[in-house]
Amino acid sequence: MTIVIKKCTLEDLRILQEISYETFDDAFGELNTPENMKAYLERAFNLEQLEKELSNVFSSFFFIYFNEELAGYLKVNINEAQTDNIVDEALEIERIYIRRQYQVQGLGKHLINKGIEIAKEQNKKKVWLGVWEKNTGAIQFYRRMGFVESGAHSFYMGDEEQTDIVMTRTLI
């Protein structure tokens, strides 16, 4: 079993879009209306938006490969690229998605650890993320990874307001 994490570049734009659509739909498609899913996917993962995010010096995307197959990705933000000003001196893990067929291989742990590594390199004191309150499996995973619930904020899926639990991990 080989696991490789590679930083994404603008050359990866279309592949990033494909895996973003696939993994987000797999994770949340059955729990939201088709209209709200379509609206969110088109807003968050259109090529122009992803190119803007990939070009932002305060955001980074990473692909994770399992046995040379693209299995998932991670997006981290620092400074003004963070989606909310929740935690000072922190790095945000905005997206962490694993393709369905590669889940339960420990890849999420590798991506969390990559985010923590980047935070330490940037001299950040905390790592934070938002997770949908109904995503109990992810919440349990983040707890196992040392994150604790520290608040909540709104997340919009199309025209529906949902609640994300904010979870943080203090770095030593």
Protein backbone atom coordinates (compact mmCIF):
# COMPACT_ATOMS: atom_id res chain seq x y z
CA MET A 1 0.00 0.00 0.00
CA THR A 2 1.46 3.34 -1.05
CA ILE A 3 0.07 6.70 -0.02
CA VAL A 4 1.29 9.89 -1.67
CA ILE A 5 0.12 13.45 -1.01
CA LYS A 6 0.77 15.97 -3.79
CA LYS A 7 0.10 19.71 -3.88
CA CYS A 8 -2.35 20.72 -6.60
CA THR A 9 -1.53 23.28 -9.26
CA LEU A 10 -3.61 25.08 -11.88
CA GLU A 11 -2.86 22.16 -14.20
CA ASP A 12 -5.01 20.01 -11.88
CA LEU A 13 -8.05 22.30 -12.21
CA ARG A 14 -10.36 19.95 -14.13
CA ILE A 15 -9.42 16.90 -12.08
CA LEU A 16 -10.03 18.92 -8.92
CA GLN A 17 -13.45 19.90 -10.22
CA GLU A 18 -14.34 16.27 -11.02
CA ILE A 19 -13.32 14.91 -7.62
CA SER A 20 -15.00 17.85 -5.85
CA TYR A 21 -18.33 17.17 -7.56
CA GLU A 22 -18.07 13.41 -6.99
CA THR A 23 -17.07 13.43 -3.34
CA PHE A 24 -19.40 16.24 -2.26
CA ASP A 25 -22.35 14.60 -3.99
CA ASP A 26 -21.49 11.22 -2.45
CA ALA A 27 -21.27 12.77 1.01
CA PHE A 28 -24.36 14.99 0.94
CA GLY A 29 -26.48 14.25 -2.13
CA GLU A 30 -28.95 11.95 -0.41
CA LEU A 31 -29.44 14.37 2.49
CA ASN A 32 -30.27 17.49 0.47
CA THR A 33 -32.71 18.41 -2.27
CA PRO A 34 -31.45 18.00 -5.84
CA GLU A 35 -32.05 21.72 -6.41
CA ASN A 36 -29.92 22.78 -3.43
CA MET A 37 -27.17 20.32 -4.35
CA LYS A 38 -27.09 21.58 -7.93
CA ALA A 39 -26.98 25.22 -6.80
CA TYR A 40 -24.16 24.55 -4.35
CA LEU A 41 -22.07 22.43 -6.71
CA GLU A 42 -22.36 24.99 -9.50
CA ARG A 43 -21.40 27.85 -7.18
CA ALA A 44 -18.60 26.19 -5.22
CA PHE A 45 -16.98 24.02 -7.86
CA ASN A 46 -17.26 25.90 -11.15
CA LEU A 47 -13.93 26.24 -12.96
CA GLU A 48 -13.67 29.99 -12.39
CA GLN A 49 -14.19 29.62 -8.63
CA LEU A 50 -11.75 26.73 -8.30
CA GLU A 51 -9.14 28.59 -10.35
CA LYS A 52 -9.53 31.60 -8.04
CA GLU A 53 -9.07 29.37 -4.99
CA LEU A 54 -6.07 27.55 -6.48
CA SER A 55 -4.45 30.91 -7.27
CA ASN A 56 -4.93 32.29 -3.75
CA VAL A 57 -1.56 32.34 -1.95
CA PHE A 58 -3.34 31.74 1.36
CA SER A 59 -5.07 28.53 0.19
CA SER A 60 -3.61 25.18 -0.77
CA PHE A 61 -5.10 22.01 -2.23
CA PHE A 62 -3.56 18.57 -1.95
CA PHE A 63 -4.47 15.32 -3.71
CA ILE A 64 -4.00 12.04 -1.90
CA TYR A 65 -3.17 8.95 -3.95
CA PHE A 66 -3.70 5.40 -2.75
CA ASN A 67 -1.70 2.87 -4.78
CA GLU A 68 -1.27 5.54 -7.50
CA GLU A 69 -5.04 6.15 -7.77
CA LEU A 70 -6.49 9.56 -6.90
CA ALA A 71 -8.42 8.89 -3.70
CA GLY A 72 -9.29 12.30 -2.26
CA TYR A 73 -8.22 15.81 -1.51
CA LEU A 74 -7.65 18.43 1.15
CA LYS A 75 -8.04 22.22 1.07
CA VAL A 76 -6.49 24.41 3.76
CA ASN A 77 -6.71 28.17 4.30
CA ILE A 78 -4.76 30.67 6.35
CA ASN A 79 -5.10 34.39 7.00
CA GLU A 80 -7.82 36.12 4.97
CA ALA A 81 -8.58 33.01 2.88
CA GLN A 82 -10.34 31.43 5.86
CA THR A 83 -14.09 31.13 5.39
CA ASP A 84 -14.77 32.65 8.79
CA ASN A 85 -12.75 34.62 11.32
CA ILE A 86 -13.37 32.14 14.10
CA VAL A 87 -9.98 31.37 15.57
CA ASP A 88 -6.97 33.69 15.74
CA GLU A 89 -3.58 32.38 14.64
CA ALA A 90 -5.15 29.34 13.02
CA LEU A 91 -5.28 27.27 9.88
CA GLU A 92 -8.65 26.20 8.52
CA ILE A 93 -9.26 22.80 7.00
CA GLU A 94 -12.05 23.82 4.64
CA ARG A 95 -12.42 20.60 2.65
CA ILE A 96 -11.36 17.04 3.29
CA TYR A 97 -12.95 14.46 1.03
CA ILE A 98 -12.16 10.83 0.25
CA ARG A 99 -13.74 8.95 -2.64
CA ARG A 100 -16.21 6.37 -1.40
CA GLN A 101 -14.19 3.34 -2.58
CA TYR A 102 -11.12 4.53 -0.62
CA GLN A 103 -12.81 5.31 2.69
CA VAL A 104 -11.75 3.38 5.81
CA GLN A 105 -8.18 3.14 4.49
CA GLY A 106 -6.84 5.72 6.98
CA LEU A 107 -6.48 8.39 4.28
CA GLY A 108 -8.45 11.01 6.20
CA LYS A 109 -5.92 10.74 9.02
CA HIS A 110 -3.10 11.39 6.54
CA LEU A 111 -4.87 14.49 5.24
CA ILE A 112 -5.58 15.84 8.75
CA ASN A 113 -1.93 15.30 9.63
CA LYS A 114 -0.91 17.16 6.45
CA GLY A 115 -3.07 20.10 7.55
CA ILE A 116 -1.48 20.04 11.01
CA GLU A 117 1.99 19.89 9.47
CA ILE A 118 1.25 22.97 7.33
CA ALA A 119 -0.19 24.81 10.35
CA LYS A 120 2.99 24.15 12.33
CA GLU A 121 5.15 25.30 9.41
CA GLN A 122 3.12 28.53 9.37
CA ASN A 123 3.51 28.92 13.17
CA LYS A 124 -0.25 28.62 13.70
CA LYS A 125 -1.49 27.75 17.19
CA LYS A 126 -4.70 26.00 16.18
CA VAL A 127 -6.39 24.12 13.37
CA TRP A 128 -10.14 24.46 12.90
CA LEU A 129 -12.84 23.14 10.62
CA GLY A 130 -16.58 23.25 10.19
CA VAL A 131 -18.56 20.02 9.95
CA TRP A 132 -22.28 19.66 9.27
CA GLU A 133 -24.09 18.84 12.51
CA LYS A 134 -25.77 15.85 10.79
CA ASN A 135 -22.44 14.34 9.68
CA THR A 136 -21.98 12.26 12.83
CA GLY A 137 -19.34 9.96 11.32
CA ALA A 138 -17.10 12.90 10.47
CA ILE A 139 -17.65 14.48 13.89
CA GLN A 140 -16.56 11.25 15.59
CA PHE A 141 -13.50 11.03 13.30
CA TYR A 142 -12.46 14.60 14.11
CA ARG A 143 -12.85 13.92 17.83
CA ARG A 144 -10.56 10.90 17.48
CA MET A 145 -8.08 13.23 15.74
CA GLY A 146 -8.03 15.54 18.77
CA PHE A 147 -10.57 18.18 17.70
CA VAL A 148 -13.12 19.53 20.15
CA GLU A 149 -16.37 21.35 19.53
CA SER A 150 -15.86 25.08 19.99
CA GLY A 151 -18.85 26.77 18.36
CA ALA A 152 -21.09 26.80 15.31
CA HIS A 153 -21.71 28.80 12.17
CA SER A 154 -24.10 28.83 9.25
CA PHE A 155 -23.46 27.03 5.99
CA TYR A 156 -25.70 27.53 2.98
CA MET A 157 -26.68 24.61 0.78
CA GLY A 158 -28.47 26.37 -2.03
CA ASP A 159 -31.21 28.35 -0.30
CA GLU A 160 -31.18 26.23 2.88
CA GLU A 161 -29.32 27.45 5.96
CA GLN A 162 -27.60 24.59 7.77
CA THR A 163 -25.49 24.52 10.92
CA ASP A 164 -21.84 23.54 10.92
CA ILE A 165 -20.21 22.63 14.20
CA VAL A 166 -16.86 24.38 14.53
CA MET A 167 -14.17 22.07 15.86
CA THR A 168 -10.67 23.12 16.84
CA ARG A 169 -7.43 21.45 17.77
CA THR A 170 -4.73 23.25 19.70
CA LEU A 171 -1.21 22.56 18.47
CA ILE A 172 1.68 21.95 20.84
